[in-house]
């Protein structure tokens, strides 16, 4: 009798141990699967933040009579965190209200929407590389109010143009002078001065980077744009028909990333799979990731087939989908 009871208890213990081991293995697999899932999610999470370049809405403002003060709420509704303003879209408002009231209004609108002000793209304030020193100095003075505006908005940078001459021998002197003078003022406001590949010699990456190195100031950097690689246009115009492009845009982006403080994801059109028809987004994002850049990437749709909102969303989705393809 005692032997039977002992055997029964041993059997119960064995069964109990079996279930303990079994459930431990199951739970271990669950934890492992959980860790794997978390790892996969973490790996596919963007290494950058998303901002919207206001130029993506220039048709809304310039042709449809839309209110540029809606920028913050519109960007918020489309899933962005940051705002990249375009100065020229506020020309009428500034003429009517003055720049101080415009900037105060933009500050209020961004705060109400919980959006971060990233930078201001400045146009129409004179040529920072003008061969005429008087005109060049005036351009520097004209840009200073936008440095002040950027500081007031809490932006980290203004984006400037480097037009004035397309003669490389003259430009390498005049652009350094203009950028250095403006950067010296911007440094007193803790604001960066960024050069985009925005046409003419600014789209010739080696020449632009040489100019940035000659300025030799920590707050003078670059804003590499995925597009914008035309270095010569018909009749010497700043915009219009392109006659010559920089030969290797991917090399150009890689070079500019060494001094990048902002990045612009340009797009024009998309194929049936959602890929940009002229730009290899995964290849470019791989370059951005390898450079160590982790700040905002601004979506800038310039196409015409899709409407602006559709193009913005398509660009945003392409950026996020491309992350999963990176090494």
Protein backbone atom coordinates (compact mmCIF):
# COMPACT_ATOMS: atom_id res chain seq x y z
CA UNK A 1 0.00 0.00 0.00
CA UNK A 2 2.77 2.41 0.98
CA UNK A 3 4.60 1.53 -2.23
CA UNK A 4 1.51 2.37 -4.35
CA UNK A 5 1.10 5.73 -2.58
CA UNK A 6 4.78 6.51 -3.10
CA UNK A 7 4.60 5.63 -6.79
CA UNK A 8 1.48 7.77 -7.17
CA UNK A 9 3.18 10.77 -5.58
CA UNK A 10 6.25 10.28 -7.77
CA UNK A 11 3.98 10.21 -10.83
CA UNK A 12 2.29 13.44 -9.72
CA UNK A 13 5.65 15.12 -9.20
CA UNK A 14 6.85 13.99 -12.64
CA UNK A 15 3.65 15.30 -14.26
CA UNK A 16 3.98 18.58 -12.36
CA UNK A 17 7.60 18.98 -13.45
CA UNK A 18 6.61 18.22 -17.04
CA UNK A 19 3.99 20.97 -17.08
CA UNK A 20 6.35 23.43 -15.40
CA UNK A 21 9.02 22.78 -18.02
CA UNK A 22 6.42 22.90 -20.81
CA UNK A 23 4.95 26.24 -19.74
CA UNK A 24 8.40 27.66 -19.14
CA UNK A 25 9.34 26.80 -22.72
CA UNK A 26 6.11 28.28 -24.07
CA UNK A 27 6.56 31.46 -22.07
CA UNK A 28 10.18 31.64 -23.15
CA UNK A 29 9.11 31.43 -26.79
CA UNK A 30 6.49 34.08 -26.19
CA UNK A 31 9.12 36.36 -24.66
CA UNK A 32 11.47 35.60 -27.53
CA UNK A 33 8.75 36.34 -30.07
CA UNK A 34 7.89 39.51 -28.18
CA UNK A 35 11.52 40.61 -28.25
CA UNK A 36 11.76 39.78 -31.94
CA UNK A 37 8.61 41.77 -32.70
CA UNK A 38 9.88 44.72 -30.69
CA UNK A 39 13.21 44.51 -32.51
CA UNK A 40 11.49 44.43 -35.90
CA UNK A 41 9.37 47.46 -34.99
CA UNK A 42 12.44 49.28 -33.70
CA UNK A 43 14.42 48.49 -36.83
CA UNK A 44 11.66 49.80 -39.13
CA UNK A 45 11.16 52.97 -37.08
CA UNK A 46 12.50 56.02 -38.95
CA UNK A 47 15.89 57.33 -37.85
CA UNK A 48 14.65 60.84 -38.71
CA UNK A 49 11.72 63.15 -37.96
CA UNK A 50 9.32 64.42 -40.60
CA UNK A 51 8.78 68.07 -41.47
CA UNK A 52 6.80 69.64 -44.29
CA UNK A 53 8.37 72.18 -46.64
CA UNK A 54 5.79 74.91 -47.26
CA UNK A 55 6.74 75.08 -50.93
CA UNK A 56 4.73 71.85 -51.26
CA UNK A 57 1.68 74.10 -50.78
CA UNK A 58 2.68 76.98 -53.07
CA UNK A 59 -0.19 76.27 -55.48
CA UNK A 60 -2.62 76.39 -52.56
CA UNK A 61 -1.26 79.82 -51.57
CA UNK A 62 -0.31 81.44 -54.88
CA UNK A 63 -2.96 80.08 -57.27
CA UNK A 64 -5.88 79.04 -55.08
CA UNK A 65 -5.78 81.98 -52.70
CA UNK A 66 -5.21 79.78 -49.66
CA UNK A 67 -4.18 81.24 -46.33
CA UNK A 68 -0.47 80.57 -45.55
CA UNK A 69 -1.28 80.92 -41.85
CA UNK A 70 -3.06 77.54 -42.13
CA UNK A 71 0.30 75.88 -42.74
CA UNK A 72 0.75 74.53 -39.21
CA UNK A 73 -2.71 72.97 -38.95
CA UNK A 74 -2.50 71.50 -42.46
CA UNK A 75 0.90 69.93 -41.76
CA UNK A 76 -0.37 68.55 -38.46
CA UNK A 77 -3.39 66.96 -40.17
CA UNK A 78 -1.07 65.23 -42.64
CA UNK A 79 1.02 63.67 -39.88
CA UNK A 80 4.10 65.92 -39.72
CA UNK A 81 6.01 67.13 -36.67
CA UNK A 82 7.98 70.05 -38.08
CA UNK A 83 7.45 73.14 -40.24
CA UNK A 84 9.75 74.60 -42.91
CA UNK A 85 8.47 78.04 -43.86
CA UNK A 86 8.94 79.78 -47.23
CA UNK A 87 9.44 83.53 -46.88
CA UNK A 88 8.04 84.51 -50.28
CA UNK A 89 4.63 82.97 -49.49
CA UNK A 90 4.14 85.71 -46.88
CA UNK A 91 5.11 88.72 -49.02
CA UNK A 92 1.54 90.05 -49.22
CA UNK A 93 0.95 89.47 -45.51
CA UNK A 94 4.20 91.24 -44.59
CA UNK A 95 3.32 94.20 -46.81
CA UNK A 96 -0.07 94.43 -45.08
CA UNK A 97 0.81 93.61 -41.47
CA UNK A 98 4.58 93.96 -41.16
CA UNK A 99 7.02 91.14 -40.53
CA UNK A 100 6.76 91.32 -36.74
CA UNK A 101 3.03 90.60 -36.70
CA UNK A 102 3.42 87.87 -39.31
CA UNK A 103 6.06 86.08 -37.25
CA UNK A 104 4.01 86.50 -34.05
CA UNK A 105 1.01 84.97 -35.82
CA UNK A 106 3.05 82.04 -37.15
CA UNK A 107 4.38 81.42 -33.65
CA UNK A 108 0.87 81.30 -32.22
CA UNK A 109 -0.42 79.01 -34.99
CA UNK A 110 2.47 76.56 -34.58
CA UNK A 111 1.98 76.44 -30.82
CA UNK A 112 -1.77 75.84 -31.15
CA UNK A 113 -1.06 72.90 -33.45
CA UNK A 114 1.77 71.54 -31.30
CA UNK A 115 4.22 71.80 -34.19
CA UNK A 116 7.96 72.45 -34.14
CA UNK A 117 9.34 75.34 -36.21
CA UNK A 118 12.40 74.01 -38.05
CA UNK A 119 13.66 76.56 -40.57
CA UNK A 120 12.79 79.37 -42.98
CA UNK A 121 13.58 79.14 -46.70
CA UNK A 122 14.47 82.69 -47.71
CA UNK A 123 14.00 83.94 -51.28
CA UNK A 124 13.92 87.30 -53.00
CA UNK A 125 16.25 89.19 -50.64
CA UNK A 126 19.13 89.81 -53.03
CA UNK A 127 22.07 87.75 -54.24
CA UNK A 128 24.61 86.77 -51.60
CA UNK A 129 27.20 86.06 -54.31
CA UNK A 130 26.67 89.23 -56.35
CA UNK A 131 29.98 90.43 -57.87
CA UNK A 132 28.99 93.98 -56.93
CA UNK A 133 30.04 94.31 -53.27
CA UNK A 134 27.48 97.03 -52.57
CA UNK A 135 24.65 94.80 -53.80
CA UNK A 136 26.12 91.80 -52.00
CA UNK A 137 26.29 93.68 -48.72
CA UNK A 138 22.72 94.87 -49.19
CA UNK A 139 21.64 91.25 -49.68
CA UNK A 140 23.31 90.37 -46.38
CA UNK A 141 21.40 93.20 -44.66
CA UNK A 142 18.13 92.07 -46.25
CA UNK A 143 18.58 88.55 -44.90
CA UNK A 144 19.18 89.67 -41.33
CA UNK A 145 15.48 90.20 -40.60
CA UNK A 146 14.90 86.54 -41.45
CA UNK A 147 17.65 85.49 -39.07
CA UNK A 148 15.80 87.47 -36.39
CA UNK A 149 12.51 85.87 -37.45
CA UNK A 150 14.02 82.39 -37.25
CA UNK A 151 15.26 83.07 -33.75
CA UNK A 152 11.85 84.34 -32.66
CA UNK A 153 10.11 81.27 -34.12
CA UNK A 154 12.56 78.90 -32.46
CA UNK A 155 13.90 77.62 -35.80
CA UNK A 156 17.48 76.39 -36.00
CA UNK A 157 18.26 77.73 -39.50
CA UNK A 158 17.47 79.83 -42.52
CA UNK A 159 18.05 78.46 -46.02
CA UNK A 160 19.63 80.97 -48.42
CA UNK A 161 20.35 81.12 -52.15
CA UNK A 162 23.81 81.74 -53.58
CA UNK A 163 23.00 83.38 -56.91
CA UNK A 164 24.85 86.40 -58.26
CA UNK A 165 27.19 84.89 -60.82
CA UNK A 166 27.68 81.54 -62.52
CA UNK A 167 31.36 82.21 -63.16
CA UNK A 168 33.13 79.75 -60.84
CA UNK A 169 36.26 81.89 -60.47
CA UNK A 170 34.26 84.95 -59.39
CA UNK A 171 31.69 82.97 -57.38
CA UNK A 172 34.22 81.21 -55.17
CA UNK A 173 35.25 84.65 -53.87
CA UNK A 174 31.90 86.44 -53.71
CA UNK A 175 29.86 83.57 -52.23
CA UNK A 176 32.35 83.07 -49.40
CA UNK A 177 32.24 86.79 -48.61
CA UNK A 178 28.43 86.95 -48.58
CA UNK A 179 27.97 83.75 -46.57
CA UNK A 180 30.63 84.68 -44.03
CA UNK A 181 29.14 88.13 -43.36
CA UNK A 182 25.64 86.70 -42.92
CA UNK A 183 26.86 83.75 -40.83
CA UNK A 184 28.71 86.10 -38.49
CA UNK A 185 25.48 87.93 -37.77
CA UNK A 186 23.46 84.70 -37.54
CA UNK A 187 25.94 83.30 -35.00
CA UNK A 188 24.97 86.10 -32.59
CA UNK A 189 21.39 84.77 -32.76
CA UNK A 190 22.34 81.09 -32.58
CA UNK A 191 20.96 80.53 -36.09
CA UNK A 192 22.49 78.44 -38.90
CA UNK A 193 22.86 79.65 -42.48
CA UNK A 194 22.25 76.76 -44.87
CA UNK A 195 23.06 76.45 -48.57
CA UNK A 196 20.81 74.22 -50.63
CA UNK A 197 21.68 72.80 -54.03
CA UNK A 198 19.24 75.25 -55.56
CA UNK A 199 20.60 75.86 -59.03
CA UNK A 200 23.68 77.29 -60.73
CA UNK A 201 26.94 76.68 -58.86
CA UNK A 202 25.16 75.72 -55.63
CA UNK A 203 24.20 72.51 -57.46
CA UNK A 204 27.85 71.78 -58.28
CA UNK A 205 28.53 69.87 -55.05
CA UNK A 206 32.38 70.05 -54.98
CA UNK A 207 32.34 73.80 -55.59
CA UNK A 208 29.65 74.37 -52.96
CA UNK A 209 31.50 72.30 -50.38
CA UNK A 210 34.73 74.17 -51.10
CA UNK A 211 32.87 77.44 -50.42
CA UNK A 212 31.46 76.07 -47.13
CA UNK A 213 34.96 75.01 -46.07
CA UNK A 214 36.33 78.45 -46.95
CA UNK A 215 33.67 80.17 -44.81
CA UNK A 216 34.83 77.87 -42.02
CA UNK A 217 32.08 78.65 -39.52
CA UNK A 218 30.18 76.01 -37.54
CA UNK A 219 26.83 77.67 -38.25
CA UNK A 220 27.32 77.73 -42.03
CA UNK A 221 26.26 74.39 -43.47
CA UNK A 222 24.18 72.67 -46.12
CA UNK A 223 20.65 71.54 -46.87
CA UNK A 224 21.02 68.72 -49.42
CA UNK A 225 17.97 68.41 -51.64
CA UNK A 226 17.27 65.09 -53.35
CA UNK A 227 16.56 67.00 -56.59
CA UNK A 228 17.67 70.44 -57.87
CA UNK A 229 20.84 69.48 -59.74
CA UNK A 230 20.70 71.93 -62.66
CA UNK A 231 23.90 73.97 -62.92
CA UNK A 232 23.14 75.76 -66.20
CA UNK A 233 19.82 76.94 -67.64
CA UNK A 234 18.77 78.36 -71.00
CA UNK A 235 19.78 82.00 -71.57
CA UNK A 236 21.55 82.05 -68.19
CA UNK A 237 18.24 82.19 -66.31
CA UNK A 238 17.97 81.13 -62.66
CA UNK A 239 14.90 79.01 -63.43
CA UNK A 240 13.48 77.41 -66.55
CA UNK A 241 14.80 74.95 -69.12
CA UNK A 242 17.87 73.08 -67.86
CA UNK A 243 20.83 72.73 -70.21
CA UNK A 244 23.28 70.97 -67.88
CA UNK A 245 22.93 68.94 -64.69
CA UNK A 246 25.50 67.88 -62.13
CA UNK A 247 26.45 64.38 -63.37
CA UNK A 248 26.10 62.34 -60.16
CA UNK A 249 23.36 63.49 -57.79
CA UNK A 250 23.98 60.64 -55.33
CA UNK A 251 27.65 61.58 -55.01
CA UNK A 252 26.54 65.20 -54.63
CA UNK A 253 24.14 64.35 -51.81
CA UNK A 254 26.82 62.29 -50.07
CA UNK A 255 29.26 65.20 -50.22
CA UNK A 256 26.72 67.71 -48.93
CA UNK A 257 25.69 65.44 -46.05
CA UNK A 258 29.07 66.03 -44.43
CA UNK A 259 27.88 69.54 -43.48
CA UNK A 260 24.10 68.97 -43.41
CA UNK A 261 21.89 70.54 -40.77
CA UNK A 262 18.67 69.85 -42.70
CA UNK A 263 17.62 67.54 -45.57
CA UNK A 264 14.95 68.04 -48.24
CA UNK A 265 13.13 65.06 -49.78
CA UNK A 266 12.18 66.41 -53.20
CA UNK A 267 9.65 64.51 -55.33
CA UNK A 268 8.11 65.05 -58.75
CA UNK A 269 6.07 61.96 -59.65
CA UNK A 270 5.52 58.32 -58.67
CA UNK A 271 5.13 54.99 -60.47
CA UNK A 272 2.44 52.37 -59.82
CA UNK A 273 4.47 51.02 -56.86
CA UNK A 274 4.76 54.38 -55.18
CA UNK A 275 8.42 54.91 -56.08
CA UNK A 276 9.71 58.30 -57.23
CA UNK A 277 10.25 58.11 -60.98
CA UNK A 278 13.58 59.98 -61.08
CA UNK A 279 15.09 59.42 -57.63
CA UNK A 280 16.14 56.24 -55.80
CA UNK A 281 14.78 57.02 -52.33
CA UNK A 282 16.17 53.92 -50.54
CA UNK A 283 19.63 54.65 -51.98
CA UNK A 284 19.47 58.28 -50.84
CA UNK A 285 18.13 57.42 -47.39
CA UNK A 286 20.95 54.90 -46.99
CA UNK A 287 23.41 57.74 -47.61
CA UNK A 288 21.59 59.93 -45.09
CA UNK A 289 21.60 57.18 -42.47
CA UNK A 290 25.28 56.38 -42.98
CA UNK A 291 26.15 60.07 -42.57
CA UNK A 292 24.76 59.96 -39.03
CA UNK A 293 22.05 62.54 -39.73
CA UNK A 294 18.98 62.01 -37.48
CA UNK A 295 17.15 65.33 -37.56
CA UNK A 296 14.19 66.45 -39.70
CA UNK A 297 13.75 65.45 -43.34
CA UNK A 298 11.43 67.89 -45.06
CA UNK A 299 8.92 66.68 -47.65
CA UNK A 300 8.91 68.94 -50.74
CA UNK A 301 6.55 67.82 -53.50
CA UNK A 302 6.91 69.72 -56.78
CA UNK A 303 4.89 67.53 -59.14
CA UNK A 304 1.84 68.39 -61.21
CA UNK A 305 0.09 65.07 -61.90
CA UNK A 306 -1.05 64.62 -58.31
CA UNK A 307 -2.58 67.45 -56.38
CA UNK A 308 -0.45 68.93 -53.61
CA UNK A 309 -1.95 66.96 -50.73
CA UNK A 310 -1.74 63.67 -52.66
CA UNK A 311 1.87 64.37 -53.62
CA UNK A 312 2.82 65.27 -50.04
CA UNK A 313 1.28 62.07 -48.66
CA UNK A 314 2.88 59.95 -51.42
CA UNK A 315 6.31 61.41 -50.61
CA UNK A 316 5.83 60.88 -46.87
CA UNK A 317 4.78 57.26 -47.38
CA UNK A 318 7.73 56.61 -49.70
CA UNK A 319 10.14 57.92 -47.07
CA UNK A 320 8.64 55.71 -44.37
CA UNK A 321 8.42 52.63 -46.62
CA UNK A 322 12.03 53.08 -47.72
CA UNK A 323 13.27 52.79 -44.12
CA UNK A 324 12.46 49.07 -44.08
CA UNK A 325 14.80 48.54 -47.07
CA UNK A 326 17.87 50.05 -45.42
CA UNK A 327 20.84 48.08 -44.15
